[in-house]
Amino acid sequence: MALPKEVDAAKVQVVKESLRKMSPQELGALPSLDAEDLRLFGAISQLCAFLDLNLRRGLEIMKMAKRLPPENIKKYPNFRDADLAEILQKSVESMDPKDEDLEDARFRLGEVGHCRRYRNLLAHFAGKRYPNEDVYGFASKSDKDARQVLGRNLGVHGVHFAIAGRSELFELEKLLNGHLEWLSRNIPEWDKCYLLS
């Protein structure tokens, strides 16, 4: 599972160091997520689900229009969710720049692929608020995830911590919504341009 790189900000480092020093009881006593936090996490998760749906719709069009990259044809339609944006980004490269703003498409699809990592964090790690700081603390006990991210098992009583900025996740929600609107507008256009003409 791909996770986002932590921002090297003072607020993140201070909280991360504090979490490392806490006992399991102190960690468990951190404030729970409130209704707005849960709404935000759910919104990001659903935005990513709709992005995946539309990415697959776009890839279906590219397959039918024979614009799927050659190295991806054999795997179609069994792509990993994590690869969808990158494969569609390669497919978009074959479009006519007179019909498609390729730079905008590259940027948006690249961002969608990058943002998916936050969905993984929100969906697979247990979140808590951190008092008096604009961050969330996340914890996991998965050795598989720890090996992938940290390069090692967690060990006895080990926990994998990750920190994400709270205000940054609210910005992410807006960003994902904008990318979803763009993709939702473009899918029917690609269908008309490449399949119905």
C-alpha atoms as a PDB file:
ATOM      1  CA  MET A   1       0.000   0.000   0.000  1.00  0.00           C
ATOM      2  CA  ALA A   2       1.411   3.364  -0.997  1.00  0.00           C
ATOM      3  CA  LEU A   3       1.266   6.069   1.646  1.00  0.00           C
ATOM      4  CA  PRO A   4       1.947   9.797   1.285  1.00  0.00           C
ATOM      5  CA  LYS A   5       5.299  11.180   2.280  1.00  0.00           C
ATOM      6  CA  GLU A   6       5.007  13.242   5.436  1.00  0.00           C
ATOM      7  CA  VAL A   7       5.428  16.954   5.066  1.00  0.00           C
ATOM      8  CA  ASP A   8       8.673  18.042   6.667  1.00  0.00           C
ATOM      9  CA  ALA A   9       6.989  20.749   8.688  1.00  0.00           C
ATOM     10  CA  ALA A  10       7.688  21.752  12.256  1.00  0.00           C
ATOM     11  CA  LYS A  11       4.140  20.839  13.338  1.00  0.00           C
ATOM     12  CA  VAL A  12       4.578  17.312  11.978  1.00  0.00           C
ATOM     13  CA  GLN A  13       7.995  16.705  13.518  1.00  0.00           C
ATOM     14  CA  VAL A  14       6.974  17.968  16.975  1.00  0.00           C
ATOM     15  CA  VAL A  15       3.911  15.699  17.054  1.00  0.00           C
ATOM     16  CA  LYS A  16       5.789  12.702  15.665  1.00  0.00           C
ATOM     17  CA  GLU A  17       8.452  12.983  18.353  1.00  0.00           C
ATOM     18  CA  SER A  18       5.804  13.382  21.038  1.00  0.00           C
ATOM     19  CA  LEU A  19       3.930  10.279  19.820  1.00  0.00           C
ATOM     20  CA  ARG A  20       7.118   8.208  19.951  1.00  0.00           C
ATOM     21  CA  LYS A  21       7.486   9.022  23.644  1.00  0.00           C
ATOM     22  CA  MET A  22       3.889   8.218  24.630  1.00  0.00           C
ATOM     23  CA  SER A  23       2.859   5.063  26.432  1.00  0.00           C
ATOM     24  CA  PRO A  24       0.104   2.904  24.906  1.00  0.00           C
ATOM     25  CA  GLN A  25      -2.281   4.316  27.520  1.00  0.00           C
ATOM     26  CA  GLU A  26      -1.405   7.909  26.568  1.00  0.00           C
ATOM     27  CA  LEU A  27      -1.826   7.109  22.874  1.00  0.00           C
ATOM     28  CA  GLY A  28      -5.219   5.557  23.535  1.00  0.00           C
ATOM     29  CA  ALA A  29      -6.285   8.650  25.474  1.00  0.00           C
ATOM     30  CA  LEU A  30      -5.707  11.023  22.540  1.00  0.00           C
ATOM     31  CA  PRO A  31      -8.932  12.739  21.430  1.00  0.00           C
ATOM     32  CA  SER A  32     -11.124  10.745  19.069  1.00  0.00           C
ATOM     33  CA  LEU A  33     -12.073  12.027  15.652  1.00  0.00           C
ATOM     34  CA  ASP A  34     -15.095  14.304  15.704  1.00  0.00           C
ATOM     35  CA  ALA A  35     -18.042  14.366  13.288  1.00  0.00           C
ATOM     36  CA  GLU A  36     -16.334  16.832  10.940  1.00  0.00           C
ATOM     37  CA  ASP A  37     -13.186  14.681  10.828  1.00  0.00           C
ATOM     38  CA  LEU A  38     -15.240  11.600   9.992  1.00  0.00           C
ATOM     39  CA  ARG A  39     -17.144  13.551   7.316  1.00  0.00           C
ATOM     40  CA  LEU A  40     -13.819  14.663   5.804  1.00  0.00           C
ATOM     41  CA  PHE A  41     -12.344  11.146   5.783  1.00  0.00           C
ATOM     42  CA  GLY A  42     -15.525   9.747   4.245  1.00  0.00           C
ATOM     43  CA  ALA A  43     -15.641  12.513   1.636  1.00  0.00           C
ATOM     44  CA  ILE A  44     -12.044  11.863   0.580  1.00  0.00           C
ATOM     45  CA  SER A  45     -12.698   8.127   0.416  1.00  0.00           C
ATOM     46  CA  GLN A  46     -15.805   8.604  -1.734  1.00  0.00           C
ATOM     47  CA  LEU A  47     -14.129  11.157  -4.003  1.00  0.00           C
ATOM     48  CA  CYS A  48     -11.367   8.599  -4.606  1.00  0.00           C
ATOM     49  CA  ALA A  49     -13.960   5.878  -5.282  1.00  0.00           C
ATOM     50  CA  PHE A  50     -15.660   8.070  -7.890  1.00  0.00           C
ATOM     51  CA  LEU A  51     -12.279   8.997  -9.378  1.00  0.00           C
ATOM     52  CA  ASP A  52     -11.451   5.280  -9.715  1.00  0.00           C
ATOM     53  CA  LEU A  53     -14.836   4.683 -11.350  1.00  0.00           C
ATOM     54  CA  ASN A  54     -14.258   7.467 -13.869  1.00  0.00           C
ATOM     55  CA  LEU A  55     -10.637   6.476 -14.491  1.00  0.00           C
ATOM     56  CA  ARG A  56     -11.875   3.002 -15.426  1.00  0.00           C
ATOM     57  CA  ARG A  57     -14.526   4.562 -17.696  1.00  0.00           C
ATOM     58  CA  GLY A  58     -11.796   6.608 -19.362  1.00  0.00           C
ATOM     59  CA  LEU A  59      -9.603   3.550 -19.803  1.00  0.00           C
ATOM     60  CA  GLU A  60     -12.528   1.671 -21.348  1.00  0.00           C
ATOM     61  CA  ILE A  61     -12.849   4.436 -23.932  1.00  0.00           C
ATOM     62  CA  MET A  62      -9.102   4.383 -24.569  1.00  0.00           C
ATOM     63  CA  LYS A  63      -9.171   0.598 -25.053  1.00  0.00           C
ATOM     64  CA  MET A  64     -12.056   0.791 -27.523  1.00  0.00           C
ATOM     65  CA  ALA A  65     -10.374   3.709 -29.335  1.00  0.00           C
ATOM     66  CA  LYS A  66      -7.081   1.744 -29.485  1.00  0.00           C
ATOM     67  CA  ARG A  67      -5.283   4.416 -27.463  1.00  0.00           C
ATOM     68  CA  LEU A  68      -4.281   2.240 -24.512  1.00  0.00           C
ATOM     69  CA  PRO A  69      -0.477   2.030 -24.122  1.00  0.00           C
ATOM     70  CA  PRO A  70       0.774  -1.235 -25.692  1.00  0.00           C
ATOM     71  CA  GLU A  71       2.342  -2.424 -22.432  1.00  0.00           C
ATOM     72  CA  ASN A  72      -1.069  -2.228 -20.709  1.00  0.00           C
ATOM     73  CA  ILE A  73      -3.287  -3.949 -23.281  1.00  0.00           C
ATOM     74  CA  LYS A  74      -2.814  -7.498 -21.972  1.00  0.00           C
ATOM     75  CA  LYS A  75      -3.782  -6.545 -18.417  1.00  0.00           C
ATOM     76  CA  TYR A  76      -6.957  -4.716 -19.434  1.00  0.00           C
ATOM     77  CA  PRO A  77      -9.362  -4.459 -17.585  1.00  0.00           C
ATOM     78  CA  ASN A  78      -7.605  -5.946 -14.548  1.00  0.00           C
ATOM     79  CA  PHE A  79      -5.593  -2.896 -13.533  1.00  0.00           C
ATOM     80  CA  ARG A  80      -4.740  -2.185  -9.911  1.00  0.00           C
ATOM     81  CA  ASP A  81      -6.560   0.891  -8.632  1.00  0.00           C
ATOM     82  CA  ALA A  82      -3.190   2.442  -7.828  1.00  0.00           C
ATOM     83  CA  ASP A  83      -2.186   2.281 -11.535  1.00  0.00           C
ATOM     84  CA  LEU A  84      -5.337   3.719 -13.118  1.00  0.00           C
ATOM     85  CA  ALA A  85      -4.345   7.403 -13.235  1.00  0.00           C
ATOM     86  CA  GLU A  86      -0.878   6.666 -14.605  1.00  0.00           C
ATOM     87  CA  ILE A  87      -2.204   4.406 -17.382  1.00  0.00           C
ATOM     88  CA  LEU A  88      -4.860   6.958 -18.359  1.00  0.00           C
ATOM     89  CA  GLN A  89      -2.193   9.669 -18.296  1.00  0.00           C
ATOM     90  CA  LYS A  90      -0.157   7.655 -20.842  1.00  0.00           C
ATOM     91  CA  SER A  91      -3.289   7.139 -22.946  1.00  0.00           C
ATOM     92  CA  VAL A  92      -4.013  10.869 -22.971  1.00  0.00           C
ATOM     93  CA  GLU A  93      -0.556  11.467 -24.478  1.00  0.00           C
ATOM     94  CA  SER A  94      -1.898  10.059 -27.770  1.00  0.00           C
ATOM     95  CA  MET A  95      -4.628  12.705 -27.980  1.00  0.00           C
ATOM     96  CA  ASP A  96      -4.508  15.639 -30.347  1.00  0.00           C
ATOM     97  CA  PRO A  97      -3.275  18.748 -28.477  1.00  0.00           C
ATOM     98  CA  LYS A  98      -5.798  20.784 -30.519  1.00  0.00           C
ATOM     99  CA  ASP A  99      -8.622  18.844 -28.876  1.00  0.00           C
ATOM    100  CA  GLU A 100      -7.144  18.258 -25.415  1.00  0.00           C
ATOM    101  CA  ASP A 101      -5.165  20.470 -23.028  1.00  0.00           C
ATOM    102  CA  LEU A 102      -2.447  17.854 -22.534  1.00  0.00           C
ATOM    103  CA  GLU A 103      -0.570  19.833 -19.911  1.00  0.00           C
ATOM    104  CA  ASP A 104      -3.685  20.191 -17.753  1.00  0.00           C
ATOM    105  CA  ALA A 105      -4.581  16.525 -18.256  1.00  0.00           C
ATOM    106  CA  ARG A 106      -1.052  15.407 -17.274  1.00  0.00           C
ATOM    107  CA  PHE A 107      -1.140  17.593 -14.178  1.00  0.00           C
ATOM    108  CA  ARG A 108      -4.600  16.480 -13.043  1.00  0.00           C
ATOM    109  CA  LEU A 109      -4.031  12.771 -13.609  1.00  0.00           C
ATOM    110  CA  GLY A 110      -0.642  12.983 -11.892  1.00  0.00           C
ATOM    111  CA  GLU A 111      -2.286  14.659  -8.904  1.00  0.00           C
ATOM    112  CA  VAL A 112      -5.046  12.038  -8.766  1.00  0.00           C
ATOM    113  CA  GLY A 113      -2.423   9.281  -8.624  1.00  0.00           C
ATOM    114  CA  HIS A 114      -0.517  11.079  -5.870  1.00  0.00           C
ATOM    115  CA  CYS A 115      -3.629  11.870  -3.799  1.00  0.00           C
ATOM    116  CA  ARG A 116      -4.687   8.216  -3.720  1.00  0.00           C
ATOM    117  CA  ARG A 117      -1.988   7.678  -1.086  1.00  0.00           C
ATOM    118  CA  TYR A 118      -3.973   9.819   1.351  1.00  0.00           C
ATOM    119  CA  ARG A 119      -7.041   7.666   0.811  1.00  0.00           C
ATOM    120  CA  ASN A 120      -4.911   4.666   1.757  1.00  0.00           C
ATOM    121  CA  LEU A 121      -3.794   6.411   4.938  1.00  0.00           C
ATOM    122  CA  LEU A 122      -7.346   7.414   5.918  1.00  0.00           C
ATOM    123  CA  ALA A 123      -8.807   4.009   5.121  1.00  0.00           C
ATOM    124  CA  HIS A 124      -6.154   1.719   6.614  1.00  0.00           C
ATOM    125  CA  PHE A 125      -4.729   3.597   9.615  1.00  0.00           C
ATOM    126  CA  ALA A 126      -6.523   4.409  12.865  1.00  0.00           C
ATOM    127  CA  GLY A 127      -6.826   8.170  13.252  1.00  0.00           C
ATOM    128  CA  LYS A 128      -6.817  10.387  16.328  1.00  0.00           C
ATOM    129  CA  ARG A 129      -6.735  14.116  16.895  1.00  0.00           C
ATOM    130  CA  TYR A 130      -3.673  15.599  18.494  1.00  0.00           C
ATOM    131  CA  PRO A 131      -4.494  18.240  21.138  1.00  0.00           C
ATOM    132  CA  ASN A 132      -3.837  21.872  20.256  1.00  0.00           C
ATOM    133  CA  GLU A 133      -2.205  21.053  16.901  1.00  0.00           C
ATOM    134  CA  ASP A 134      -3.510  21.188  13.326  1.00  0.00           C
ATOM    135  CA  VAL A 135      -2.670  17.542  12.644  1.00  0.00           C
ATOM    136  CA  TYR A 136      -4.037  14.037  12.794  1.00  0.00           C
ATOM    137  CA  GLY A 137      -2.033  11.151  14.171  1.00  0.00           C
ATOM    138  CA  PHE A 138      -2.486   7.773  12.491  1.00  0.00           C
ATOM    139  CA  ALA A 139      -1.408   4.357  13.744  1.00  0.00           C
ATOM    140  CA  SER A 140      -1.144   0.899  12.217  1.00  0.00           C
ATOM    141  CA  LYS A 141      -0.025  -2.480  13.494  1.00  0.00           C
ATOM    142  CA  SER A 142       0.474  -3.951  10.001  1.00  0.00           C
ATOM    143  CA  ASP A 143       3.921  -5.446   9.515  1.00  0.00           C
ATOM    144  CA  LYS A 144       3.251  -5.654   5.777  1.00  0.00           C
ATOM    145  CA  ASP A 145       2.681  -1.883   5.560  1.00  0.00           C
ATOM    146  CA  ALA A 146       5.628  -1.189   7.859  1.00  0.00           C
ATOM    147  CA  ARG A 147       7.961  -3.273   5.671  1.00  0.00           C
ATOM    148  CA  GLN A 148       6.802  -1.397   2.597  1.00  0.00           C
ATOM    149  CA  VAL A 149       7.094   2.077   4.120  1.00  0.00           C
ATOM    150  CA  LEU A 150       9.715   1.702   6.862  1.00  0.00           C
ATOM    151  CA  GLY A 151      11.661  -1.219   5.402  1.00  0.00           C
ATOM    152  CA  ARG A 152      11.257  -3.351   8.532  1.00  0.00           C
ATOM    153  CA  ASN A 153       8.787  -5.195  10.739  1.00  0.00           C
ATOM    154  CA  LEU A 154       7.332  -3.368  13.719  1.00  0.00           C
ATOM    155  CA  GLY A 155       8.473  -5.802  16.362  1.00  0.00           C
ATOM    156  CA  VAL A 156       6.827  -6.538  19.693  1.00  0.00           C
ATOM    157  CA  HIS A 157       4.513  -3.698  20.771  1.00  0.00           C
ATOM    158  CA  GLY A 158       5.679  -1.714  17.728  1.00  0.00           C
ATOM    159  CA  VAL A 159       3.270   0.660  16.033  1.00  0.00           C
ATOM    160  CA  HIS A 160       3.681   2.489  12.734  1.00  0.00           C
ATOM    161  CA  PHE A 161       2.792   6.174  13.098  1.00  0.00           C
ATOM    162  CA  ALA A 162       2.008   8.684  10.390  1.00  0.00           C
ATOM    163  CA  ILE A 163       1.059  12.336  10.723  1.00  0.00           C
ATOM    164  CA  ALA A 164      -1.044  14.386   8.321  1.00  0.00           C
ATOM    165  CA  GLY A 165      -1.973  18.047   8.527  1.00  0.00           C
ATOM    166  CA  ARG A 166      -5.655  18.623   9.236  1.00  0.00           C
ATOM    167  CA  SER A 167      -6.030  21.808   7.172  1.00  0.00           C
ATOM    168  CA  GLU A 168      -4.090  20.119   4.339  1.00  0.00           C
ATOM    169  CA  LEU A 169      -6.655  17.306   4.229  1.00  0.00           C
ATOM    170  CA  PHE A 170      -9.487  19.845   3.922  1.00  0.00           C
ATOM    171  CA  GLU A 171      -7.574  21.348   0.975  1.00  0.00           C
ATOM    172  CA  LEU A 172      -7.144  17.848  -0.464  1.00  0.00           C
ATOM    173  CA  GLU A 173     -10.915  17.387  -0.424  1.00  0.00           C
ATOM    174  CA  LYS A 174     -11.334  20.530  -2.572  1.00  0.00           C
ATOM    175  CA  LEU A 175      -8.530  19.464  -4.906  1.00  0.00           C
ATOM    176  CA  LEU A 176      -9.985  15.981  -5.426  1.00  0.00           C
ATOM    177  CA  ASN A 177     -13.434  17.435  -6.030  1.00  0.00           C
ATOM    178  CA  GLY A 178     -12.018  19.684  -8.752  1.00  0.00           C
ATOM    179  CA  HIS A 179     -10.206  16.782 -10.407  1.00  0.00           C
ATOM    180  CA  LEU A 180     -13.362  14.663 -10.262  1.00  0.00           C
ATOM    181  CA  GLU A 181     -15.385  17.434 -11.907  1.00  0.00           C
ATOM    182  CA  TRP A 182     -12.726  17.720 -14.659  1.00  0.00           C
ATOM    183  CA  LEU A 183     -12.666  13.971 -15.272  1.00  0.00           C
ATOM    184  CA  SER A 184     -16.481  13.714 -15.222  1.00  0.00           C
ATOM    185  CA  ARG A 185     -16.682  16.475 -17.862  1.00  0.00           C
ATOM    186  CA  ASN A 186     -13.991  14.916 -20.054  1.00  0.00           C
ATOM    187  CA  ILE A 187     -15.237  11.308 -20.133  1.00  0.00           C
ATOM    188  CA  PRO A 188     -18.308  12.115 -22.293  1.00  0.00           C
ATOM    189  CA  GLU A 189     -16.170  14.382 -24.478  1.00  0.00           C
ATOM    190  CA  TRP A 190     -13.628  11.605 -25.056  1.00  0.00           C
ATOM    191  CA  ASP A 191     -16.485   9.248 -25.818  1.00  0.00           C
ATOM    192  CA  LYS A 192     -17.862  11.629 -28.482  1.00  0.00           C
ATOM    193  CA  CYS A 193     -14.451  12.453 -29.897  1.00  0.00           C
ATOM    194  CA  TYR A 194     -12.951   8.973 -30.104  1.00  0.00           C
ATOM    195  CA  LEU A 195     -15.882   6.547 -30.292  1.00  0.00           C
ATOM    196  CA  LEU A 196     -18.884   8.309 -31.775  1.00  0.00           C
ATOM    197  CA  SER A 197     -17.160  10.218 -34.583  1.00  0.00           C
END
